[in-house]
Amino acid sequence: QVQLVESGGGLVQAGDSLRLSCAASGDTFSMDAMGWFRQAPGKEREFVAGISWSSVTHYADSVKGRFTISRDNAKNTVYLQMNTLKPEDTAVYYCATDLRPFGPIRTGPSEYRYWGQGTQVTVSS
């Protein structure tokens, strides 16, 4: 079992930056791939970024070059640095893990078993 707690969301203007954090419980964090997803009102949850146990990263095309995912295994925390935010980035952002050690980055929401409660990001134009 693992618990995930996101923080760092808020209301910003277009062009601003935010850094989201996701703190994980448990002792297998360093072996697990982590993902960030988002869900806007009326839309399906979508993959944003993922990081493997070895810190290989993968991004959705819509955020590539603007968002950076990273992890700090000593703190059991994964981050999402979001720069040059756009109104279309407005959504609830979730972190997730599948607790499958040394597994690849997965991009489908159904492939993740554990989710945080989400943090709201609102970008005004």
N, C-alpha and C. Protein backbone atom coordinates (compact mmCIF):
# COMPACT_ATOMS: atom_id res chain seq x y z
N GLN A 1 0.83 -1.18 0.00
CA GLN A 1 0.00 0.00 0.00
C GLN A 1 0.87 1.24 0.00
N VAL A 2 0.34 2.30 -0.54
CA VAL A 2 1.05 3.57 -0.57
C VAL A 2 0.02 4.69 -0.52
N GLN A 3 0.39 5.77 0.11
CA GLN A 3 -0.43 6.97 0.10
C GLN A 3 0.32 8.07 -0.61
N LEU A 4 -0.39 8.82 -1.43
CA LEU A 4 0.19 9.90 -2.21
C LEU A 4 -0.52 11.20 -1.86
N VAL A 5 0.25 12.24 -1.60
CA VAL A 5 -0.33 13.52 -1.22
C VAL A 5 0.28 14.61 -2.10
N GLU A 6 -0.56 15.24 -2.93
CA GLU A 6 -0.09 16.31 -3.81
C GLU A 6 -0.22 17.66 -3.10
N SER A 7 0.61 18.59 -3.52
CA SER A 7 0.52 19.96 -3.04
C SER A 7 1.13 20.88 -4.08
N GLY A 8 0.88 22.18 -3.92
CA GLY A 8 1.52 23.16 -4.78
C GLY A 8 0.63 23.80 -5.83
N GLY A 9 -0.62 23.35 -5.93
CA GLY A 9 -1.51 23.96 -6.91
C GLY A 9 -1.91 25.37 -6.51
N GLY A 10 -2.59 26.04 -7.42
CA GLY A 10 -3.04 27.39 -7.12
C GLY A 10 -3.56 28.09 -8.35
N LEU A 11 -3.83 29.38 -8.18
CA LEU A 11 -4.33 30.25 -9.26
C LEU A 11 -3.20 31.14 -9.72
N VAL A 12 -2.88 31.05 -10.99
CA VAL A 12 -1.79 31.85 -11.56
C VAL A 12 -2.26 32.45 -12.88
N GLN A 13 -1.45 33.37 -13.40
CA GLN A 13 -1.74 33.96 -14.70
C GLN A 13 -0.96 33.22 -15.79
N ALA A 14 -1.46 33.36 -17.00
CA ALA A 14 -0.77 32.75 -18.14
C ALA A 14 0.67 33.24 -18.19
N GLY A 15 1.59 32.29 -18.42
CA GLY A 15 3.01 32.62 -18.46
C GLY A 15 3.74 32.39 -17.15
N ASP A 16 3.00 32.23 -16.08
CA ASP A 16 3.60 32.00 -14.76
C ASP A 16 4.06 30.55 -14.62
N SER A 17 4.68 30.28 -13.48
CA SER A 17 5.17 28.94 -13.17
C SER A 17 4.59 28.44 -11.86
N LEU A 18 4.54 27.13 -11.72
CA LEU A 18 4.16 26.48 -10.49
C LEU A 18 4.98 25.20 -10.37
N ARG A 19 5.22 24.78 -9.12
CA ARG A 19 5.84 23.49 -8.90
C ARG A 19 4.93 22.65 -8.02
N LEU A 20 4.51 21.53 -8.54
CA LEU A 20 3.71 20.58 -7.78
C LEU A 20 4.62 19.55 -7.12
N SER A 21 4.20 19.11 -5.95
CA SER A 21 4.92 18.07 -5.23
C SER A 21 3.97 16.92 -4.93
N CYS A 22 4.52 15.73 -4.87
CA CYS A 22 3.75 14.55 -4.50
C CYS A 22 4.59 13.73 -3.53
N ALA A 23 4.16 13.69 -2.29
CA ALA A 23 4.87 12.93 -1.26
C ALA A 23 4.25 11.54 -1.14
N ALA A 24 5.10 10.54 -1.16
CA ALA A 24 4.65 9.15 -1.11
C ALA A 24 5.07 8.48 0.19
N SER A 25 4.18 7.65 0.72
CA SER A 25 4.53 6.84 1.87
C SER A 25 5.11 5.52 1.38
N GLY A 26 5.57 4.70 2.29
CA GLY A 26 6.07 3.40 1.90
C GLY A 26 7.56 3.39 1.66
N ASP A 27 8.09 2.19 1.49
CA ASP A 27 9.54 2.05 1.37
C ASP A 27 10.00 1.52 0.02
N THR A 28 9.12 1.57 -0.99
CA THR A 28 9.51 1.11 -2.32
C THR A 28 9.56 2.24 -3.34
N PHE A 29 9.45 3.46 -2.86
CA PHE A 29 9.34 4.62 -3.76
C PHE A 29 10.45 4.63 -4.80
N SER A 30 11.68 4.39 -4.37
CA SER A 30 12.82 4.52 -5.27
C SER A 30 12.78 3.50 -6.40
N MET A 31 11.99 2.45 -6.26
CA MET A 31 11.91 1.40 -7.28
C MET A 31 10.72 1.55 -8.21
N ASP A 32 9.87 2.53 -7.94
CA ASP A 32 8.60 2.64 -8.66
C ASP A 32 8.58 3.79 -9.65
N ALA A 33 7.96 3.53 -10.80
CA ALA A 33 7.68 4.62 -11.73
C ALA A 33 6.55 5.48 -11.16
N MET A 34 6.62 6.76 -11.43
CA MET A 34 5.61 7.71 -10.96
C MET A 34 5.06 8.48 -12.15
N GLY A 35 3.79 8.83 -12.07
CA GLY A 35 3.19 9.59 -13.16
C GLY A 35 2.40 10.77 -12.64
N TRP A 36 2.33 11.80 -13.46
CA TRP A 36 1.43 12.95 -13.23
C TRP A 36 0.36 12.92 -14.32
N PHE A 37 -0.87 13.08 -13.88
CA PHE A 37 -2.02 13.15 -14.78
C PHE A 37 -2.80 14.42 -14.46
N ARG A 38 -3.71 14.78 -15.35
CA ARG A 38 -4.59 15.90 -15.07
C ARG A 38 -5.97 15.63 -15.65
N GLN A 39 -6.94 16.29 -15.07
CA GLN A 39 -8.32 16.14 -15.53
C GLN A 39 -9.01 17.49 -15.45
N ALA A 40 -9.41 17.96 -16.62
CA ALA A 40 -10.17 19.20 -16.71
C ALA A 40 -11.66 18.88 -16.67
N PRO A 41 -12.49 19.85 -16.30
CA PRO A 41 -13.94 19.59 -16.23
C PRO A 41 -14.49 19.08 -17.55
N GLY A 42 -15.23 17.99 -17.49
CA GLY A 42 -15.86 17.45 -18.69
C GLY A 42 -14.92 16.67 -19.59
N LYS A 43 -13.68 16.49 -19.15
CA LYS A 43 -12.72 15.77 -19.98
C LYS A 43 -12.20 14.54 -19.25
N GLU A 44 -11.62 13.62 -20.00
CA GLU A 44 -11.04 12.44 -19.41
C GLU A 44 -9.69 12.77 -18.77
N ARG A 45 -9.32 11.93 -17.81
CA ARG A 45 -8.00 12.10 -17.20
C ARG A 45 -6.93 11.77 -18.23
N GLU A 46 -5.90 12.63 -18.30
CA GLU A 46 -4.87 12.44 -19.31
C GLU A 46 -3.48 12.45 -18.71
N PHE A 47 -2.62 11.70 -19.34
CA PHE A 47 -1.21 11.62 -18.93
C PHE A 47 -0.52 12.95 -19.20
N VAL A 48 0.30 13.38 -18.23
CA VAL A 48 1.07 14.61 -18.38
C VAL A 48 2.57 14.29 -18.46
N ALA A 49 3.07 13.56 -17.48
CA ALA A 49 4.49 13.24 -17.43
C ALA A 49 4.71 12.02 -16.55
N GLY A 50 5.80 11.31 -16.82
CA GLY A 50 6.15 10.16 -16.02
C GLY A 50 7.65 10.08 -15.83
N ILE A 51 8.05 9.42 -14.75
CA ILE A 51 9.47 9.23 -14.47
C ILE A 51 9.67 7.82 -13.95
N SER A 52 10.65 7.15 -14.51
CA SER A 52 10.92 5.77 -14.12
C SER A 52 11.76 5.72 -12.86
N TRP A 53 11.99 4.49 -12.36
CA TRP A 53 12.82 4.34 -11.17
C TRP A 53 14.23 4.84 -11.42
N SER A 54 14.68 4.80 -12.69
CA SER A 54 16.03 5.24 -13.04
C SER A 54 16.05 6.68 -13.56
N SER A 55 14.93 7.39 -13.36
CA SER A 55 14.80 8.81 -13.73
C SER A 55 14.73 9.06 -15.22
N VAL A 56 14.40 8.05 -15.99
CA VAL A 56 14.02 8.29 -17.39
C VAL A 56 12.66 9.01 -17.36
N THR A 57 12.51 10.00 -18.24
CA THR A 57 11.27 10.78 -18.23
C THR A 57 10.54 10.68 -19.57
N HIS A 58 9.26 10.95 -19.51
CA HIS A 58 8.42 10.94 -20.72
C HIS A 58 7.31 11.97 -20.52
N TYR A 59 7.00 12.72 -21.58
CA TYR A 59 6.03 13.81 -21.48
C TYR A 59 4.96 13.71 -22.56
N ALA A 60 3.80 14.22 -22.22
CA ALA A 60 2.79 14.43 -23.25
C ALA A 60 3.25 15.54 -24.18
N ASP A 61 2.87 15.47 -25.44
CA ASP A 61 3.31 16.48 -26.40
C ASP A 61 2.86 17.88 -25.99
N SER A 62 1.73 17.97 -25.34
CA SER A 62 1.16 19.28 -24.99
C SER A 62 1.97 20.02 -23.93
N VAL A 63 2.83 19.31 -23.21
CA VAL A 63 3.61 19.96 -22.14
C VAL A 63 5.11 19.87 -22.37
N LYS A 64 5.50 19.17 -23.40
CA LYS A 64 6.93 18.98 -23.66
C LYS A 64 7.60 20.33 -23.86
N GLY A 65 8.74 20.51 -23.17
CA GLY A 65 9.47 21.76 -23.26
C GLY A 65 9.02 22.81 -22.24
N ARG A 66 7.87 22.58 -21.60
CA ARG A 66 7.38 23.52 -20.57
C ARG A 66 7.37 22.90 -19.18
N PHE A 67 7.11 21.62 -19.10
CA PHE A 67 7.01 20.93 -17.81
C PHE A 67 8.24 20.03 -17.63
N THR A 68 8.65 19.87 -16.37
CA THR A 68 9.75 18.97 -16.03
C THR A 68 9.38 18.15 -14.82
N ILE A 69 9.48 16.84 -14.96
CA ILE A 69 9.23 15.94 -13.85
C ILE A 69 10.57 15.50 -13.27
N SER A 70 10.62 15.40 -11.94
CA SER A 70 11.84 14.96 -11.27
C SER A 70 11.45 14.23 -10.00
N ARG A 71 12.42 13.57 -9.42
CA ARG A 71 12.15 12.83 -8.18
C ARG A 71 13.32 12.98 -7.22
N ASP A 72 12.99 12.94 -5.93
CA ASP A 72 13.98 12.96 -4.87
C ASP A 72 13.70 11.73 -4.01
N ASN A 73 14.47 10.68 -4.23
CA ASN A 73 14.20 9.43 -3.53
C ASN A 73 14.46 9.54 -2.02
N ALA A 74 15.34 10.42 -1.63
CA ALA A 74 15.61 10.61 -0.20
C ALA A 74 14.40 11.19 0.52
N LYS A 75 13.57 11.93 -0.22
CA LYS A 75 12.39 12.55 0.37
C LYS A 75 11.10 11.84 -0.05
N ASN A 76 11.22 10.75 -0.80
CA ASN A 76 10.02 10.06 -1.30
C ASN A 76 9.06 11.02 -1.99
N THR A 77 9.61 11.88 -2.81
CA THR A 77 8.79 12.94 -3.42
C THR A 77 9.08 13.04 -4.92
N VAL A 78 8.02 13.25 -5.68
CA VAL A 78 8.15 13.52 -7.10
C VAL A 78 7.60 14.92 -7.35
N TYR A 79 8.23 15.64 -8.26
CA TYR A 79 7.88 17.03 -8.54
C TYR A 79 7.44 17.19 -9.99
N LEU A 80 6.64 18.23 -10.21
CA LEU A 80 6.30 18.63 -11.57
C LEU A 80 6.48 20.15 -11.65
N GLN A 81 7.56 20.55 -12.28
CA GLN A 81 7.81 21.98 -12.50
C GLN A 81 7.08 22.38 -13.77
N MET A 82 6.19 23.35 -13.65
CA MET A 82 5.37 23.78 -14.78
C MET A 82 5.69 25.23 -15.09
N ASN A 83 6.24 25.46 -16.26
CA ASN A 83 6.60 26.80 -16.70
C ASN A 83 5.73 27.22 -17.88
N THR A 84 5.70 28.52 -18.12
CA THR A 84 4.94 29.08 -19.24
C THR A 84 3.53 28.49 -19.28
N LEU A 85 2.85 28.57 -18.16
CA LEU A 85 1.52 27.98 -18.06
C LEU A 85 0.53 28.67 -18.99
N LYS A 86 -0.40 27.87 -19.49
CA LYS A 86 -1.43 28.35 -20.39
C LYS A 86 -2.81 28.08 -19.79
N PRO A 87 -3.82 28.82 -20.20
CA PRO A 87 -5.18 28.56 -19.68
C PRO A 87 -5.61 27.11 -19.90
N GLU A 88 -5.17 26.50 -20.97
CA GLU A 88 -5.56 25.10 -21.24
C GLU A 88 -4.88 24.11 -20.32
N ASP A 89 -3.95 24.56 -19.49
CA ASP A 89 -3.35 23.70 -18.47
C ASP A 89 -4.22 23.61 -17.21
N THR A 90 -5.28 24.39 -17.17
CA THR A 90 -6.18 24.37 -16.02
C THR A 90 -6.81 22.99 -15.85
N ALA A 91 -6.64 22.42 -14.65
CA ALA A 91 -7.14 21.06 -14.38
C ALA A 91 -6.82 20.71 -12.93
N VAL A 92 -7.37 19.60 -12.50
CA VAL A 92 -6.91 18.98 -11.26
C VAL A 92 -5.76 18.04 -11.64
N TYR A 93 -4.65 18.19 -10.95
CA TYR A 93 -3.47 17.39 -11.23
C TYR A 93 -3.31 16.30 -10.17
N TYR A 94 -3.05 15.10 -10.65
CA TYR A 94 -2.93 13.93 -9.78
C TYR A 94 -1.57 13.25 -10.00
N CYS A 95 -1.00 12.75 -8.92
CA CYS A 95 0.14 11.86 -9.10
C CYS A 95 -0.33 10.43 -8.86
N ALA A 96 0.42 9.50 -9.42
CA ALA A 96 0.00 8.11 -9.35
C ALA A 96 1.21 7.20 -9.42
N THR A 97 1.05 6.00 -8.89
CA THR A 97 2.07 4.97 -9.00
C THR A 97 1.40 3.62 -9.14
N ASP A 98 2.16 2.66 -9.68
CA ASP A 98 1.58 1.34 -9.85
C ASP A 98 2.24 0.31 -8.94
N LEU A 99 3.24 0.72 -8.18
CA LEU A 99 3.94 -0.17 -7.25
C LEU A 99 4.45 -1.44 -7.92
N ARG A 100 4.90 -1.32 -9.17
CA ARG A 100 5.54 -2.45 -9.85
C ARG A 100 7.01 -2.11 -9.99
N PRO A 101 7.85 -2.65 -9.10
CA PRO A 101 9.26 -2.25 -9.06
C PRO A 101 9.96 -2.42 -10.40
N PHE A 102 10.74 -1.40 -10.72
CA PHE A 102 11.59 -1.39 -11.91
C PHE A 102 10.78 -1.50 -13.20
N GLY A 103 9.52 -1.08 -13.16
CA GLY A 103 8.69 -1.14 -14.34
C GLY A 103 8.88 0.08 -15.22
N PRO A 104 8.34 0.05 -16.44
CA PRO A 104 8.45 1.19 -17.35
C PRO A 104 7.44 2.29 -17.00
N ILE A 105 7.59 3.42 -17.64
CA ILE A 105 6.60 4.47 -17.50
C ILE A 105 5.35 4.06 -18.27
N ARG A 106 4.22 4.14 -17.61
CA ARG A 106 2.94 3.83 -18.26
C ARG A 106 2.14 5.10 -18.43
N THR A 107 1.41 5.20 -19.53
CA THR A 107 0.71 6.45 -19.82
C THR A 107 -0.80 6.35 -19.69
N GLY A 108 -1.31 5.16 -19.47
CA GLY A 108 -2.76 5.00 -19.33
C GLY A 108 -3.20 5.07 -17.89
N PRO A 109 -4.22 5.86 -17.59
CA PRO A 109 -4.68 5.96 -16.20
C PRO A 109 -5.05 4.61 -15.60
N SER A 110 -5.59 3.71 -16.38
CA SER A 110 -6.02 2.41 -15.86
C SER A 110 -4.84 1.53 -15.44
N GLU A 111 -3.65 1.93 -15.83
CA GLU A 111 -2.46 1.14 -15.50
C GLU A 111 -1.87 1.52 -14.14
N TYR A 112 -2.45 2.49 -13.48
CA TYR A 112 -1.97 2.92 -12.18
C TYR A 112 -3.00 2.53 -11.11
N ARG A 113 -2.49 2.00 -10.02
CA ARG A 113 -3.38 1.52 -8.97
C ARG A 113 -3.58 2.52 -7.83
N TYR A 114 -2.60 3.41 -7.63
CA TYR A 114 -2.66 4.29 -6.47
C TYR A 114 -2.60 5.74 -6.92
N TRP A 115 -3.50 6.53 -6.35
CA TRP A 115 -3.66 7.92 -6.75
C TRP A 115 -3.70 8.83 -5.53
N GLY A 116 -3.20 10.05 -5.72
CA GLY A 116 -3.40 11.06 -4.72
C GLY A 116 -4.77 11.69 -4.85
N GLN A 117 -5.04 12.67 -3.99
CA GLN A 117 -6.36 13.30 -3.97
C GLN A 117 -6.48 14.41 -5.01
N GLY A 118 -5.36 14.83 -5.56
CA GLY A 118 -5.37 15.86 -6.58
C GLY A 118 -5.15 17.26 -6.02
N THR A 119 -4.62 18.13 -6.86
CA THR A 119 -4.43 19.53 -6.51
C THR A 119 -4.86 20.38 -7.71
N GLN A 120 -5.62 21.43 -7.43
CA GLN A 120 -6.19 22.26 -8.50
C GLN A 120 -5.16 23.26 -9.01
N VAL A 121 -5.04 23.32 -10.32
CA VAL A 121 -4.24 24.33 -10.99
C VAL A 121 -5.17 25.12 -11.90
N THR A 122 -5.22 26.42 -11.69
CA THR A 122 -6.05 27.29 -12.51
C THR A 122 -5.17 28.38 -13.11
N VAL A 123 -5.22 28.49 -14.44
CA VAL A 123 -4.41 29.48 -15.15
C VAL A 123 -5.34 30.46 -15.83
N SER A 124 -5.27 31.70 -15.43
CA SER A 124 -6.12 32.73 -16.01
C SER A 124 -5.42 33.39 -17.19
N SER A 125 -6.21 33.84 -18.13
CA SER A 125 -5.64 34.48 -19.33
C SER A 125 -5.46 35.97 -19.14
